[in-house]
Amino acid sequence: RVRDPGMKILPQGASLDQALAAAGGQKLL
């Protein structure tokens, strides 16, 4: 339930919250 699922390339040291933000954030439900 994210707006843009898939493989994401993140900077070294990124946290889980940053990954969810990179995926467009979580959906309402």
mmCIF file of all heavy atoms, coordinates in Angstrom:
data_MODEL
# 
_entry.id   MODEL 
# 
loop_
_atom_site.group_PDB 
_atom_site.id 
_atom_site.type_symbol 
_atom_site.label_atom_id 
_atom_site.label_alt_id 
_atom_site.label_comp_id 
_atom_site.label_asym_id 
_atom_site.label_entity_id 
_atom_site.label_seq_id 
_atom_site.pdbx_PDB_ins_code 
_atom_site.Cartn_x 
_atom_site.Cartn_y 
_atom_site.Cartn_z 
_atom_site.occupancy 
_atom_site.B_iso_or_equiv 
_atom_site.pdbx_formal_charge 
_atom_site.auth_seq_id 
_atom_site.auth_comp_id 
_atom_site.auth_asym_id 
_atom_site.auth_atom_id 
_atom_site.pdbx_PDB_model_num 
ATOM 1   N N   . ARG A 1 1  ? 0.814  -1.206 0.000  1.00 0.00 ? 1  ARG A N   1 
ATOM 2   C CA  . ARG A 1 1  ? 0.000  0.000  0.000  1.00 0.00 ? 1  ARG A CA  1 
ATOM 3   C C   . ARG A 1 1  ? 0.856  1.267  0.000  1.00 0.00 ? 1  ARG A C   1 
ATOM 4   O O   . ARG A 1 1  ? 0.857  2.073  0.933  1.00 0.00 ? 1  ARG A O   1 
ATOM 5   C CB  . ARG A 1 1  ? -0.924 -0.021 1.216  1.00 0.00 ? 1  ARG A CB  1 
ATOM 6   C CG  . ARG A 1 1  ? -1.888 -1.204 1.283  1.00 0.00 ? 1  ARG A CG  1 
ATOM 7   C CD  . ARG A 1 1  ? -3.029 -1.051 0.306  1.00 0.00 ? 1  ARG A CD  1 
ATOM 8   N NE  . ARG A 1 1  ? -3.879 0.092  0.674  1.00 0.00 ? 1  ARG A NE  1 
ATOM 9   C CZ  . ARG A 1 1  ? -4.890 0.514  -0.073 1.00 0.00 ? 1  ARG A CZ  1 
ATOM 10  N NH1 . ARG A 1 1  ? -5.172 -0.084 -1.238 1.00 0.00 ? 1  ARG A NH1 1 
ATOM 11  N NH2 . ARG A 1 1  ? -5.624 1.520  0.335  1.00 0.00 ? 1  ARG A NH2 1 
ATOM 12  N N   . VAL A 1 2  ? 1.630  1.440  -1.072 1.00 0.00 ? 2  VAL A N   1 
ATOM 13  C CA  . VAL A 1 2  ? 2.369  2.676  -1.316 1.00 0.00 ? 2  VAL A CA  1 
ATOM 14  C C   . VAL A 1 2  ? 1.987  3.176  -2.702 1.00 0.00 ? 2  VAL A C   1 
ATOM 15  O O   . VAL A 1 2  ? 1.505  2.414  -3.549 1.00 0.00 ? 2  VAL A O   1 
ATOM 16  C CB  . VAL A 1 2  ? 3.904  2.458  -1.213 1.00 0.00 ? 2  VAL A CB  1 
ATOM 17  C CG1 . VAL A 1 2  ? 4.320  2.146  0.211  1.00 0.00 ? 2  VAL A CG1 1 
ATOM 18  C CG2 . VAL A 1 2  ? 4.369  1.350  -2.147 1.00 0.00 ? 2  VAL A CG2 1 
ATOM 19  N N   . ARG A 1 3  ? 2.241  4.446  -2.938 1.00 0.00 ? 3  ARG A N   1 
ATOM 20  C CA  . ARG A 1 3  ? 1.802  5.043  -4.187 1.00 0.00 ? 3  ARG A CA  1 
ATOM 21  C C   . ARG A 1 3  ? 2.695  4.691  -5.371 1.00 0.00 ? 3  ARG A C   1 
ATOM 22  O O   . ARG A 1 3  ? 2.252  4.694  -6.504 1.00 0.00 ? 3  ARG A O   1 
ATOM 23  C CB  . ARG A 1 3  ? 1.714  6.566  -4.027 1.00 0.00 ? 3  ARG A CB  1 
ATOM 24  C CG  . ARG A 1 3  ? 0.588  7.000  -3.086 1.00 0.00 ? 3  ARG A CG  1 
ATOM 25  C CD  . ARG A 1 3  ? 0.502  8.510  -2.965 1.00 0.00 ? 3  ARG A CD  1 
ATOM 26  N NE  . ARG A 1 3  ? -0.663 8.902  -2.189 1.00 0.00 ? 3  ARG A NE  1 
ATOM 27  C CZ  . ARG A 1 3  ? -0.691 8.964  -0.865 1.00 0.00 ? 3  ARG A CZ  1 
ATOM 28  N NH1 . ARG A 1 3  ? 0.401  8.634  -0.170 1.00 0.00 ? 3  ARG A NH1 1 
ATOM 29  N NH2 . ARG A 1 3  ? -1.796 9.324  -0.235 1.00 0.00 ? 3  ARG A NH2 1 
ATOM 30  N N   . ASP A 1 4  ? 3.963  4.394  -5.133 1.00 0.00 ? 4  ASP A N   1 
ATOM 31  C CA  . ASP A 1 4  ? 4.880  4.071  -6.230 1.00 0.00 ? 4  ASP A CA  1 
ATOM 32  C C   . ASP A 1 4  ? 5.756  2.887  -5.833 1.00 0.00 ? 4  ASP A C   1 
ATOM 33  O O   . ASP A 1 4  ? 6.937  3.053  -5.495 1.00 0.00 ? 4  ASP A O   1 
ATOM 34  C CB  . ASP A 1 4  ? 5.744  5.296  -6.560 1.00 0.00 ? 4  ASP A CB  1 
ATOM 35  C CG  . ASP A 1 4  ? 6.656  5.051  -7.763 1.00 0.00 ? 4  ASP A CG  1 
ATOM 36  O OD1 . ASP A 1 4  ? 6.347  4.148  -8.572 1.00 0.00 ? 4  ASP A OD1 1 
ATOM 37  O OD2 . ASP A 1 4  ? 7.665  5.764  -7.883 1.00 0.00 ? 4  ASP A OD2 1 
ATOM 38  N N   . PRO A 1 5  ? 5.203  1.667  -5.855 1.00 0.00 ? 5  PRO A N   1 
ATOM 39  C CA  . PRO A 1 5  ? 5.983  0.494  -5.432 1.00 0.00 ? 5  PRO A CA  1 
ATOM 40  C C   . PRO A 1 5  ? 7.059  0.145  -6.460 1.00 0.00 ? 5  PRO A C   1 
ATOM 41  O O   . PRO A 1 5  ? 7.035  0.598  -7.599 1.00 0.00 ? 5  PRO A O   1 
ATOM 42  C CB  . PRO A 1 5  ? 4.922  -0.608 -5.337 1.00 0.00 ? 5  PRO A CB  1 
ATOM 43  C CG  . PRO A 1 5  ? 3.856  -0.191 -6.302 1.00 0.00 ? 5  PRO A CG  1 
ATOM 44  C CD  . PRO A 1 5  ? 3.822  1.315  -6.257 1.00 0.00 ? 5  PRO A CD  1 
ATOM 45  N N   . GLY A 1 6  ? 7.997  -0.694 -6.019 1.00 0.00 ? 6  GLY A N   1 
ATOM 46  C CA  . GLY A 1 6  ? 9.056  -1.170 -6.907 1.00 0.00 ? 6  GLY A CA  1 
ATOM 47  C C   . GLY A 1 6  ? 10.425 -1.063 -6.251 1.00 0.00 ? 6  GLY A C   1 
ATOM 48  O O   . GLY A 1 6  ? 10.564 -0.769 -5.062 1.00 0.00 ? 6  GLY A O   1 
ATOM 49  N N   . MET A 1 7  ? 11.476 -1.310 -7.038 1.00 0.00 ? 7  MET A N   1 
ATOM 50  C CA  . MET A 1 7  ? 12.845 -1.213 -6.539 1.00 0.00 ? 7  MET A CA  1 
ATOM 51  C C   . MET A 1 7  ? 13.238 0.256  -6.431 1.00 0.00 ? 7  MET A C   1 
ATOM 52  O O   . MET A 1 7  ? 13.004 1.041  -7.351 1.00 0.00 ? 7  MET A O   1 
ATOM 53  C CB  . MET A 1 7  ? 13.812 -1.932 -7.481 1.00 0.00 ? 7  MET A CB  1 
ATOM 54  C CG  . MET A 1 7  ? 15.249 -1.964 -6.972 1.00 0.00 ? 7  MET A CG  1 
ATOM 55  S SD  . MET A 1 7  ? 16.406 -2.608 -8.185 1.00 0.00 ? 7  MET A SD  1 
ATOM 56  C CE  . MET A 1 7  ? 16.436 -1.252 -9.369 1.00 0.00 ? 7  MET A CE  1 
ATOM 57  N N   . LYS A 1 8  ? 13.850 0.613  -5.317 1.00 0.00 ? 8  LYS A N   1 
ATOM 58  C CA  . LYS A 1 8  ? 14.265 1.983  -5.089 1.00 0.00 ? 8  LYS A CA  1 
ATOM 59  C C   . LYS A 1 8  ? 15.770 2.036  -4.800 1.00 0.00 ? 8  LYS A C   1 
ATOM 60  O O   . LYS A 1 8  ? 16.312 1.183  -4.090 1.00 0.00 ? 8  LYS A O   1 
ATOM 61  C CB  . LYS A 1 8  ? 13.506 2.604  -3.907 1.00 0.00 ? 8  LYS A CB  1 
ATOM 62  C CG  . LYS A 1 8  ? 11.985 2.600  -4.072 1.00 0.00 ? 8  LYS A CG  1 
ATOM 63  C CD  . LYS A 1 8  ? 11.554 3.403  -5.285 1.00 0.00 ? 8  LYS A CD  1 
ATOM 64  C CE  . LYS A 1 8  ? 10.046 3.305  -5.510 1.00 0.00 ? 8  LYS A CE  1 
ATOM 65  N NZ  . LYS A 1 8  ? 9.619  4.012  -6.737 1.00 0.00 ? 8  LYS A NZ  1 
ATOM 66  N N   . ILE A 1 9  ? 16.421 3.023  -5.379 1.00 0.00 ? 9  ILE A N   1 
ATOM 67  C CA  . ILE A 1 9  ? 17.848 3.262  -5.128 1.00 0.00 ? 9  ILE A CA  1 
ATOM 68  C C   . ILE A 1 9  ? 17.945 4.416  -4.145 1.00 0.00 ? 9  ILE A C   1 
ATOM 69  O O   . ILE A 1 9  ? 17.507 5.530  -4.432 1.00 0.00 ? 9  ILE A O   1 
ATOM 70  C CB  . ILE A 1 9  ? 18.594 3.575  -6.429 1.00 0.00 ? 9  ILE A CB  1 
ATOM 71  C CG1 . ILE A 1 9  ? 18.500 2.384  -7.388 1.00 0.00 ? 9  ILE A CG1 1 
ATOM 72  C CG2 . ILE A 1 9  ? 20.057 3.908  -6.138 1.00 0.00 ? 9  ILE A CG2 1 
ATOM 73  C CD1 . ILE A 1 9  ? 19.162 2.619  -8.725 1.00 0.00 ? 9  ILE A CD1 1 
ATOM 74  N N   . LEU A 1 10 ? 18.528 4.135  -2.976 1.00 0.00 ? 10 LEU A N   1 
ATOM 75  C CA  . LEU A 1 10 ? 18.594 5.108  -1.892 1.00 0.00 ? 10 LEU A CA  1 
ATOM 76  C C   . LEU A 1 10 ? 20.046 5.353  -1.500 1.00 0.00 ? 10 LEU A C   1 
ATOM 77  O O   . LEU A 1 10 ? 20.921 4.502  -1.720 1.00 0.00 ? 10 LEU A O   1 
ATOM 78  C CB  . LEU A 1 10 ? 17.817 4.595  -0.680 1.00 0.00 ? 10 LEU A CB  1 
ATOM 79  C CG  . LEU A 1 10 ? 16.342 4.236  -0.904 1.00 0.00 ? 10 LEU A CG  1 
ATOM 80  C CD1 . LEU A 1 10 ? 15.778 3.594  0.355  1.00 0.00 ? 10 LEU A CD1 1 
ATOM 81  C CD2 . LEU A 1 10 ? 15.547 5.466  -1.292 1.00 0.00 ? 10 LEU A CD2 1 
ATOM 82  N N   . PRO A 1 11 ? 20.324 6.515  -0.912 1.00 0.00 ? 11 PRO A N   1 
ATOM 83  C CA  . PRO A 1 11 ? 21.688 6.764  -0.443 1.00 0.00 ? 11 PRO A CA  1 
ATOM 84  C C   . PRO A 1 11 ? 22.066 5.854  0.714  1.00 0.00 ? 11 PRO A C   1 
ATOM 85  O O   . PRO A 1 11 ? 21.204 5.427  1.492  1.00 0.00 ? 11 PRO A O   1 
ATOM 86  C CB  . PRO A 1 11 ? 21.648 8.237  -0.006 1.00 0.00 ? 11 PRO A CB  1 
ATOM 87  C CG  . PRO A 1 11 ? 20.209 8.520  0.245  1.00 0.00 ? 11 PRO A CG  1 
ATOM 88  C CD  . PRO A 1 11 ? 19.438 7.660  -0.703 1.00 0.00 ? 11 PRO A CD  1 
ATOM 89  N N   . GLN A 1 12 ? 23.341 5.536  0.822  1.00 0.00 ? 12 GLN A N   1 
ATOM 90  C CA  . GLN A 1 12 ? 23.834 4.711  1.920  1.00 0.00 ? 12 GLN A CA  1 
ATOM 91  C C   . GLN A 1 12 ? 23.479 5.369  3.249  1.00 0.00 ? 12 GLN A C   1 
ATOM 92  O O   . GLN A 1 12 ? 23.641 6.567  3.440  1.00 0.00 ? 12 GLN A O   1 
ATOM 93  C CB  . GLN A 1 12 ? 25.347 4.564  1.815  1.00 0.00 ? 12 GLN A CB  1 
ATOM 94  C CG  . GLN A 1 12 ? 25.970 3.636  2.833  1.00 0.00 ? 12 GLN A CG  1 
ATOM 95  C CD  . GLN A 1 12 ? 25.649 2.183  2.576  1.00 0.00 ? 12 GLN A CD  1 
ATOM 96  O OE1 . GLN A 1 12 ? 25.062 1.509  3.421  1.00 0.00 ? 12 GLN A OE1 1 
ATOM 97  N NE2 . GLN A 1 12 ? 26.031 1.689  1.411  1.00 0.00 ? 12 GLN A NE2 1 
ATOM 98  N N   . GLY A 1 13 ? 22.970 4.571  4.182  1.00 0.00 ? 13 GLY A N   1 
ATOM 99  C CA  . GLY A 1 13 ? 22.574 5.092  5.477  1.00 0.00 ? 13 GLY A CA  1 
ATOM 100 C C   . GLY A 1 13 ? 21.128 5.507  5.557  1.00 0.00 ? 13 GLY A C   1 
ATOM 101 O O   . GLY A 1 13 ? 20.685 6.028  6.597  1.00 0.00 ? 13 GLY A O   1 
ATOM 102 N N   . ALA A 1 14 ? 20.339 5.272  4.486  1.00 0.00 ? 14 ALA A N   1 
ATOM 103 C CA  . ALA A 1 14 ? 18.924 5.649  4.499  1.00 0.00 ? 14 ALA A CA  1 
ATOM 104 C C   . ALA A 1 14 ? 18.146 4.747  5.444  1.00 0.00 ? 14 ALA A C   1 
ATOM 105 O O   . ALA A 1 14 ? 18.478 3.570  5.637  1.00 0.00 ? 14 ALA A O   1 
ATOM 106 C CB  . ALA A 1 14 ? 18.348 5.570  3.088  1.00 0.00 ? 14 ALA A CB  1 
ATOM 107 N N   . SER A 1 15 ? 17.081 5.291  6.019  1.00 0.00 ? 15 SER A N   1 
ATOM 108 C CA  . SER A 1 15 ? 16.242 4.541  6.944  1.00 0.00 ? 15 SER A CA  1 
ATOM 109 C C   . SER A 1 15 ? 14.960 4.093  6.251  1.00 0.00 ? 15 SER A C   1 
ATOM 110 O O   . SER A 1 15 ? 14.677 4.467  5.104  1.00 0.00 ? 15 SER A O   1 
ATOM 111 C CB  . SER A 1 15 ? 15.908 5.400  8.166  1.00 0.00 ? 15 SER A CB  1 
ATOM 112 O OG  . SER A 1 15 ? 15.088 6.500  7.775  1.00 0.00 ? 15 SER A OG  1 
ATOM 113 N N   . LEU A 1 16 ? 14.160 3.296  6.958  1.00 0.00 ? 16 LEU A N   1 
ATOM 114 C CA  . LEU A 1 16 ? 12.907 2.779  6.398  1.00 0.00 ? 16 LEU A CA  1 
ATOM 115 C C   . LEU A 1 16 ? 11.931 3.905  6.083  1.00 0.00 ? 16 LEU A C   1 
ATOM 116 O O   . LEU A 1 16 ? 11.265 3.872  5.042  1.00 0.00 ? 16 LEU A O   1 
ATOM 117 C CB  . LEU A 1 16 ? 12.292 1.779  7.369  1.00 0.00 ? 16 LEU A CB  1 
ATOM 118 C CG  . LEU A 1 16 ? 11.001 1.085  6.913  1.00 0.00 ? 16 LEU A CG  1 
ATOM 119 C CD1 . LEU A 1 16 ? 11.014 -0.381 7.303  1.00 0.00 ? 16 LEU A CD1 1 
ATOM 120 C CD2 . LEU A 1 16 ? 9.779  1.767  7.516  1.00 0.00 ? 16 LEU A CD2 1 
ATOM 121 N N   . ASP A 1 17 ? 11.834 4.912  6.937  1.00 0.00 ? 17 ASP A N   1 
ATOM 122 C CA  . ASP A 1 17 ? 10.928 6.031  6.664  1.00 0.00 ? 17 ASP A CA  1 
ATOM 123 C C   . ASP A 1 17 ? 11.316 6.773  5.390  1.00 0.00 ? 17 ASP A C   1 
ATOM 124 O O   . ASP A 1 17 ? 10.448 7.216  4.622  1.00 0.00 ? 17 ASP A O   1 
ATOM 125 C CB  . ASP A 1 17 ? 10.924 6.995  7.850  1.00 0.00 ? 17 ASP A CB  1 
ATOM 126 C CG  . ASP A 1 17 ? 10.134 6.436  9.034  1.00 0.00 ? 17 ASP A CG  1 
ATOM 127 O OD1 . ASP A 1 17 ? 9.403  5.431  8.834  1.00 0.00 ? 17 ASP A OD1 1 
ATOM 128 O OD2 . ASP A 1 17 ? 10.248 6.990  10.143 1.00 0.00 ? 17 ASP A OD2 1 
ATOM 129 N N   . GLN A 1 18 ? 12.616 6.905  5.144  1.00 0.00 ? 18 GLN A N   1 
ATOM 130 C CA  . GLN A 1 18 ? 13.072 7.550  3.918  1.00 0.00 ? 18 GLN A CA  1 
ATOM 131 C C   . GLN A 1 18 ? 12.707 6.718  2.693  1.00 0.00 ? 18 GLN A C   1 
ATOM 132 O O   . GLN A 1 18 ? 12.362 7.256  1.641  1.00 0.00 ? 18 GLN A O   1 
ATOM 133 C CB  . GLN A 1 18 ? 14.588 7.763  3.977  1.00 0.00 ? 18 GLN A CB  1 
ATOM 134 C CG  . GLN A 1 18 ? 15.022 8.816  4.982  1.00 0.00 ? 18 GLN A CG  1 
ATOM 135 C CD  . GLN A 1 18 ? 16.532 8.892  5.122  1.00 0.00 ? 18 GLN A CD  1 
ATOM 136 O OE1 . GLN A 1 18 ? 17.166 7.983  5.648  1.00 0.00 ? 18 GLN A OE1 1 
ATOM 137 N NE2 . GLN A 1 18 ? 17.106 9.971  4.632  1.00 0.00 ? 18 GLN A NE2 1 
ATOM 138 N N   . ALA A 1 19 ? 12.760 5.391  2.825  1.00 0.00 ? 19 ALA A N   1 
ATOM 139 C CA  . ALA A 1 19 ? 12.386 4.519  1.717  1.00 0.00 ? 19 ALA A CA  1 
ATOM 140 C C   . ALA A 1 19 ? 10.902 4.652  1.395  1.00 0.00 ? 19 ALA A C   1 
ATOM 141 O O   . ALA A 1 19 ? 10.505 4.700  0.218  1.00 0.00 ? 19 ALA A O   1 
ATOM 142 C CB  . ALA A 1 19 ? 12.738 3.073  2.048  1.00 0.00 ? 19 ALA A CB  1 
ATOM 143 N N   . LEU A 1 20 ? 10.056 4.711  2.425  1.00 0.00 ? 20 LEU A N   1 
ATOM 144 C CA  . LEU A 1 20 ? 8.615  4.879  2.192  1.00 0.00 ? 20 LEU A CA  1 
ATOM 145 C C   . LEU A 1 20 ? 8.316  6.222  1.541  1.00 0.00 ? 20 LEU A C   1 
ATOM 146 O O   . LEU A 1 20 ? 7.440  6.322  0.669  1.00 0.00 ? 20 LEU A O   1 
ATOM 147 C CB  . LEU A 1 20 ? 7.857  4.758  3.522  1.00 0.00 ? 20 LEU A CB  1 
ATOM 148 C CG  . LEU A 1 20 ? 7.885  3.375  4.185  1.00 0.00 ? 20 LEU A CG  1 
ATOM 149 C CD1 . LEU A 1 20 ? 7.163  3.422  5.527  1.00 0.00 ? 20 LEU A CD1 1 
ATOM 150 C CD2 . LEU A 1 20 ? 7.259  2.314  3.279  1.00 0.00 ? 20 LEU A CD2 1 
ATOM 151 N N   . ALA A 1 21 ? 9.060  7.253  1.937  1.00 0.00 ? 21 ALA A N   1 
ATOM 152 C CA  . ALA A 1 21 ? 8.875  8.560  1.316  1.00 0.00 ? 21 ALA A CA  1 
ATOM 153 C C   . ALA A 1 21 ? 9.299  8.522  -0.147 1.00 0.00 ? 21 ALA A C   1 
ATOM 154 O O   . ALA A 1 21 ? 8.657  9.141  -1.014 1.00 0.00 ? 21 ALA A O   1 
ATOM 155 C CB  . ALA A 1 21 ? 9.672  9.612  2.076  1.00 0.00 ? 21 ALA A CB  1 
ATOM 156 N N   . ALA A 1 22 ? 10.378 7.773  -0.455 1.00 0.00 ? 22 ALA A N   1 
ATOM 157 C CA  . ALA A 1 22 ? 10.825 7.661  -1.845 1.00 0.00 ? 22 ALA A CA  1 
ATOM 158 C C   . ALA A 1 22 ? 9.810  6.912  -2.700 1.00 0.00 ? 22 ALA A C   1 
ATOM 159 O O   . ALA A 1 22 ? 9.776  7.081  -3.926 1.00 0.00 ? 22 ALA A O   1 
ATOM 160 C CB  . ALA A 1 22 ? 12.177 6.954  -1.900 1.00 0.00 ? 22 ALA A CB  1 
ATOM 161 N N   . ALA A 1 23 ? 8.982  6.068  -2.073 1.00 0.00 ? 23 ALA A N   1 
ATOM 162 C CA  . ALA A 1 23 ? 7.943  5.324  -2.788 1.00 0.00 ? 23 ALA A CA  1 
ATOM 163 C C   . ALA A 1 23 ? 6.643  6.111  -2.861 1.00 0.00 ? 23 ALA A C   1 
ATOM 164 O O   . ALA A 1 23 ? 5.586  5.537  -3.161 1.00 0.00 ? 23 ALA A O   1 
ATOM 165 C CB  . ALA A 1 23 ? 7.710  3.978  -2.119 1.00 0.00 ? 23 ALA A CB  1 
ATOM 166 N N   . GLY A 1 24 ? 6.682  7.398  -2.583 1.00 0.00 ? 24 GLY A N   1 
ATOM 167 C CA  . GLY A 1 24 ? 5.495  8.231  -2.677 1.00 0.00 ? 24 GLY A CA  1 
ATOM 168 C C   . GLY A 1 24 ? 4.648  8.278  -1.434 1.00 0.00 ? 24 GLY A C   1 
ATOM 169 O O   . GLY A 1 24 ? 3.591  8.909  -1.409 1.00 0.00 ? 24 GLY A O   1 
ATOM 170 N N   . GLY A 1 25 ? 5.075  7.588  -0.386 1.00 0.00 ? 25 GLY A N   1 
ATOM 171 C CA  . GLY A 1 25 ? 4.324  7.569  0.856  1.00 0.00 ? 25 GLY A CA  1 
ATOM 172 C C   . GLY A 1 25 ? 3.294  6.452  0.898  1.00 0.00 ? 25 GLY A C   1 
ATOM 173 O O   . GLY A 1 25 ? 2.984  5.808  -0.118 1.00 0.00 ? 25 GLY A O   1 
ATOM 174 N N   . GLN A 1 26 ? 2.763  6.197  2.066  1.00 0.00 ? 26 GLN A N   1 
ATOM 175 C CA  . GLN A 1 26 ? 1.773  5.142  2.242  1.00 0.00 ? 26 GLN A CA  1 
ATOM 176 C C   . GLN A 1 26 ? 0.365  5.642  1.874  1.00 0.00 ? 26 GLN A C   1 
ATOM 177 O O   . GLN A 1 26 ? 0.060  6.824  2.018  1.00 0.00 ? 26 GLN A O   1 
ATOM 178 C CB  . GLN A 1 26 ? 1.772  4.671  3.702  1.00 0.00 ? 26 GLN A CB  1 
ATOM 179 C CG  . GLN A 1 26 ? 3.127  4.195  4.208  1.00 0.00 ? 26 GLN A CG  1 
ATOM 180 C CD  . GLN A 1 26 ? 3.096  3.792  5.661  1.00 0.00 ? 26 GLN A CD  1 
ATOM 181 O OE1 . GLN A 1 26 ? 2.513  2.764  6.013  1.00 0.00 ? 26 GLN A OE1 1 
ATOM 182 N NE2 . GLN A 1 26 ? 3.702  4.588  6.525  1.00 0.00 ? 26 GLN A NE2 1 
ATOM 183 N N   . LYS A 1 27 ? -0.436 4.733  1.413  1.00 0.00 ? 27 LYS A N   1 
ATOM 184 C CA  . LYS A 1 27 ? -1.816 5.068  1.089  1.00 0.00 ? 27 LYS A CA  1 
ATOM 185 C C   . LYS A 1 27 ? -2.642 5.229  2.366  1.00 0.00 ? 27 LYS A C   1 
ATOM 186 O O   . LYS A 1 27 ? -2.228 4.818  3.433  1.00 0.00 ? 27 LYS A O   1 
ATOM 187 C CB  . LYS A 1 27 ? -2.420 3.992  0.186  1.00 0.00 ? 27 LYS A CB  1 
ATOM 188 C CG  . LYS A 1 27 ? -1.809 3.965  -1.217 1.00 0.00 ? 27 LYS A CG  1 
ATOM 189 C CD  . LYS A 1 27 ? -2.491 2.930  -2.093 1.00 0.00 ? 27 LYS A CD  1 
ATOM 190 C CE  . LYS A 1 27 ? -1.894 2.927  -3.502 1.00 0.00 ? 27 LYS A CE  1 
ATOM 191 N NZ  . LYS A 1 27 ? -2.548 1.922  -4.381 1.00 0.00 ? 27 LYS A NZ  1 
ATOM 192 N N   . LEU A 1 28 ? -3.819 5.826  2.191  1.00 0.00 ? 28 LEU A N   1 
ATOM 193 C CA  . LEU A 1 28 ? -4.640 6.173  3.353  1.00 0.00 ? 28 LEU A CA  1 
ATOM 194 C C   . LEU A 1 28 ? -5.065 4.929  4.139  1.00 0.00 ? 28 LEU A C   1 
ATOM 195 O O   . LEU A 1 28 ? -4.920 4.865  5.352  1.00 0.00 ? 28 LEU A O   1 
ATOM 196 C CB  . LEU A 1 28 ? -5.861 6.963  2.904  1.00 0.00 ? 28 LEU A CB  1 
ATOM 197 C CG  . LEU A 1 28 ? -6.804 7.441  4.021  1.00 0.00 ? 28 LEU A CG  1 
ATOM 198 C CD1 . LEU A 1 28 ? -6.044 8.353  4.983  1.00 0.00 ? 28 LEU A CD1 1 
ATOM 199 C CD2 . LEU A 1 28 ? -8.025 8.135  3.437  1.00 0.00 ? 28 LEU A CD2 1 
ATOM 200 N N   . LEU A 1 29 ? -5.621 3.945  3.440  1.00 0.00 ? 29 LEU A N   1 
ATOM 201 C CA  . LEU A 1 29 ? -6.049 2.710  4.095  1.00 0.00 ? 29 LEU A CA  1 
ATOM 202 C C   . LEU A 1 29 ? -4.887 1.717  4.072  1.00 0.00 ? 29 LEU A C   1 
ATOM 203 O O   . LEU A 1 29 ? -4.574 1.135  3.026  1.00 0.00 ? 29 LEU A O   1 
ATOM 204 C CB  . LEU A 1 29 ? -7.272 2.133  3.390  1.00 0.00 ? 29 LEU A CB  1 
ATOM 205 C CG  . LEU A 1 29 ? -8.523 3.029  3.385  1.00 0.00 ? 29 LEU A CG  1 
ATOM 206 C CD1 . LEU A 1 29 ? -9.636 2.371  2.593  1.00 0.00 ? 29 LEU A CD1 1 
ATOM 207 C CD2 . LEU A 1 29 ? -8.985 3.320  4.810  1.00 0.00 ? 29 LEU A CD2 1 
# 
